[in-house]
Amino acid sequence: MLIMRLLLLFAVLGVGGSVILWLLTGNPRFKAWAWKIFRIAVVMLFAFFALFAIERVLVPLA
């Protein structure tokens, strides 16, 4: 759980930093980075929750 929280913190910092840099410079590269980091974070979050769901289903069977 600690690793997931750290990854979420880094994702929020990365997206926030990229958006701030995009707003300050106007360089679209930073907006693309923010979007890419956000998408990766969402996919990782869904995978994490899927593991919890699978655990809830399979543990009572054992």
N, C-alpha and C. Protein backbone atom coordinates (compact mmCIF):
# COMPACT_ATOMS: atom_id res chain seq x y z
N MET A 1 0.83 -1.19 0.00
CA MET A 1 0.00 0.00 0.00
C MET A 1 0.88 1.26 0.00
N LEU A 2 2.00 1.19 0.70
CA LEU A 2 2.92 2.33 0.74
C LEU A 2 3.46 2.64 -0.65
N ILE A 3 3.77 1.60 -1.40
CA ILE A 3 4.30 1.81 -2.75
C ILE A 3 3.25 2.48 -3.63
N MET A 4 2.00 2.06 -3.49
CA MET A 4 0.92 2.67 -4.29
C MET A 4 0.75 4.14 -3.93
N ARG A 5 0.85 4.46 -2.65
CA ARG A 5 0.73 5.85 -2.24
C ARG A 5 1.88 6.69 -2.78
N LEU A 6 3.08 6.14 -2.76
CA LEU A 6 4.23 6.87 -3.31
C LEU A 6 4.09 7.08 -4.82
N LEU A 7 3.64 6.05 -5.52
CA LEU A 7 3.43 6.20 -6.97
C LEU A 7 2.36 7.23 -7.27
N LEU A 8 1.29 7.24 -6.46
CA LEU A 8 0.24 8.24 -6.65
C LEU A 8 0.76 9.64 -6.37
N LEU A 9 1.58 9.78 -5.33
CA LEU A 9 2.18 11.08 -5.02
C LEU A 9 3.06 11.56 -6.16
N PHE A 10 3.90 10.66 -6.69
CA PHE A 10 4.78 11.04 -7.81
C PHE A 10 3.97 11.39 -9.05
N ALA A 11 2.87 10.68 -9.28
CA ALA A 11 2.03 10.98 -10.44
C ALA A 11 1.39 12.36 -10.30
N VAL A 12 0.89 12.67 -9.10
CA VAL A 12 0.27 13.98 -8.87
C VAL A 12 1.31 15.08 -9.03
N LEU A 13 2.49 14.87 -8.47
CA LEU A 13 3.56 15.87 -8.61
C LEU A 13 3.99 16.03 -10.07
N GLY A 14 4.08 14.92 -10.79
CA GLY A 14 4.47 14.97 -12.19
C GLY A 14 3.45 15.69 -13.05
N VAL A 15 2.19 15.37 -12.86
CA VAL A 15 1.13 16.02 -13.64
C VAL A 15 1.07 17.50 -13.28
N GLY A 16 1.09 17.79 -11.98
CA GLY A 16 1.03 19.19 -11.55
C GLY A 16 2.20 20.01 -12.05
N GLY A 17 3.39 19.43 -11.94
CA GLY A 17 4.58 20.14 -12.44
C GLY A 17 4.54 20.36 -13.93
N SER A 18 4.09 19.36 -14.67
CA SER A 18 4.01 19.50 -16.12
C SER A 18 2.98 20.55 -16.52
N VAL A 19 1.85 20.56 -15.83
CA VAL A 19 0.81 21.56 -16.15
C VAL A 19 1.32 22.96 -15.83
N ILE A 20 1.99 23.11 -14.71
CA ILE A 20 2.54 24.44 -14.35
C ILE A 20 3.57 24.88 -15.38
N LEU A 21 4.46 23.96 -15.78
CA LEU A 21 5.45 24.32 -16.80
C LEU A 21 4.78 24.66 -18.12
N TRP A 22 3.71 23.94 -18.47
CA TRP A 22 2.99 24.25 -19.71
C TRP A 22 2.36 25.64 -19.64
N LEU A 23 1.78 25.95 -18.48
CA LEU A 23 1.15 27.27 -18.34
C LEU A 23 2.19 28.39 -18.37
N LEU A 24 3.37 28.14 -17.82
CA LEU A 24 4.41 29.18 -17.79
C LEU A 24 5.10 29.36 -19.13
N THR A 25 5.34 28.25 -19.84
CA THR A 25 6.11 28.34 -21.08
C THR A 25 5.25 28.31 -22.34
N GLY A 26 4.09 27.65 -22.25
CA GLY A 26 3.26 27.51 -23.45
C GLY A 26 3.73 26.39 -24.36
N ASN A 27 4.74 25.63 -23.92
CA ASN A 27 5.27 24.53 -24.71
C ASN A 27 4.32 23.33 -24.64
N PRO A 28 3.78 22.89 -25.76
CA PRO A 28 2.80 21.79 -25.73
C PRO A 28 3.40 20.45 -25.30
N ARG A 29 4.72 20.35 -25.32
CA ARG A 29 5.37 19.11 -24.89
C ARG A 29 5.03 18.80 -23.43
N PHE A 30 4.96 19.83 -22.58
CA PHE A 30 4.66 19.62 -21.17
C PHE A 30 3.22 19.16 -20.96
N LYS A 31 2.31 19.65 -21.79
CA LYS A 31 0.92 19.20 -21.71
C LYS A 31 0.82 17.74 -22.12
N ALA A 32 1.57 17.34 -23.12
CA ALA A 32 1.59 15.94 -23.55
C ALA A 32 2.16 15.04 -22.46
N TRP A 33 3.19 15.50 -21.78
CA TRP A 33 3.76 14.72 -20.67
C TRP A 33 2.74 14.57 -19.54
N ALA A 34 2.04 15.64 -19.21
CA ALA A 34 1.03 15.58 -18.15
C ALA A 34 -0.05 14.57 -18.52
N TRP A 35 -0.51 14.60 -19.74
CA TRP A 35 -1.55 13.68 -20.18
C TRP A 35 -1.05 12.24 -20.13
N LYS A 36 0.20 12.01 -20.55
CA LYS A 36 0.77 10.67 -20.56
C LYS A 36 0.93 10.14 -19.13
N ILE A 37 1.42 10.98 -18.23
CA ILE A 37 1.58 10.57 -16.83
C ILE A 37 0.21 10.25 -16.23
N PHE A 38 -0.79 11.07 -16.52
CA PHE A 38 -2.14 10.84 -16.00
C PHE A 38 -2.70 9.51 -16.48
N ARG A 39 -2.55 9.22 -17.77
CA ARG A 39 -3.07 7.96 -18.32
C ARG A 39 -2.38 6.76 -17.69
N ILE A 40 -1.06 6.82 -17.53
CA ILE A 40 -0.33 5.72 -16.92
C ILE A 40 -0.77 5.51 -15.47
N ALA A 41 -0.97 6.61 -14.74
CA ALA A 41 -1.40 6.52 -13.35
C ALA A 41 -2.79 5.88 -13.25
N VAL A 42 -3.70 6.24 -14.14
CA VAL A 42 -5.05 5.67 -14.11
C VAL A 42 -5.00 4.18 -14.42
N VAL A 43 -4.20 3.77 -15.39
CA VAL A 43 -4.09 2.35 -15.73
C VAL A 43 -3.51 1.57 -14.54
N MET A 44 -2.49 2.13 -13.90
CA MET A 44 -1.91 1.46 -12.74
C MET A 44 -2.90 1.37 -11.59
N LEU A 45 -3.71 2.40 -11.40
CA LEU A 45 -4.72 2.39 -10.35
C LEU A 45 -5.78 1.33 -10.62
N PHE A 46 -6.23 1.22 -11.87
CA PHE A 46 -7.20 0.18 -12.21
C PHE A 46 -6.61 -1.22 -12.01
N ALA A 47 -5.34 -1.40 -12.36
CA ALA A 47 -4.69 -2.70 -12.16
C ALA A 47 -4.61 -3.02 -10.67
N PHE A 48 -4.29 -2.04 -9.87
CA PHE A 48 -4.21 -2.23 -8.42
C PHE A 48 -5.56 -2.63 -7.85
N PHE A 49 -6.63 -1.93 -8.25
CA PHE A 49 -7.96 -2.26 -7.77
C PHE A 49 -8.43 -3.61 -8.30
N ALA A 50 -8.02 -3.98 -9.50
CA ALA A 50 -8.37 -5.29 -10.04
C ALA A 50 -7.73 -6.40 -9.21
N LEU A 51 -6.50 -6.17 -8.76
CA LEU A 51 -5.85 -7.16 -7.89
C LEU A 51 -6.61 -7.31 -6.58
N PHE A 52 -7.09 -6.21 -6.02
CA PHE A 52 -7.90 -6.29 -4.80
C PHE A 52 -9.18 -7.07 -5.06
N ALA A 53 -9.82 -6.82 -6.18
CA ALA A 53 -11.07 -7.52 -6.51
C ALA A 53 -10.82 -9.02 -6.69
N ILE A 54 -9.75 -9.37 -7.38
CA ILE A 54 -9.42 -10.78 -7.59
C ILE A 54 -9.12 -11.44 -6.25
N GLU A 55 -8.43 -10.74 -5.38
CA GLU A 55 -8.12 -11.28 -4.06
C GLU A 55 -9.40 -11.55 -3.27
N ARG A 56 -10.35 -10.63 -3.33
CA ARG A 56 -11.62 -10.80 -2.61
C ARG A 56 -12.40 -12.01 -3.13
N VAL A 57 -12.28 -12.29 -4.41
CA VAL A 57 -13.02 -13.42 -4.99
C VAL A 57 -12.31 -14.73 -4.71
N LEU A 58 -10.99 -14.77 -4.83
CA LEU A 58 -10.27 -16.04 -4.75
C LEU A 58 -9.93 -16.48 -3.32
N VAL A 59 -9.74 -15.57 -2.40
CA VAL A 59 -9.34 -15.95 -1.04
C VAL A 59 -10.41 -16.79 -0.34
N PRO A 60 -11.70 -16.46 -0.44
CA PRO A 60 -12.69 -17.33 0.22
C PRO A 60 -12.73 -18.74 -0.35
N LEU A 61 -12.27 -18.92 -1.58
CA LEU A 61 -12.29 -20.25 -2.18
C LEU A 61 -11.18 -21.15 -1.64
N ALA A 62 -10.13 -20.54 -1.11
CA ALA A 62 -8.98 -21.33 -0.62
C ALA A 62 -9.21 -21.88 0.76
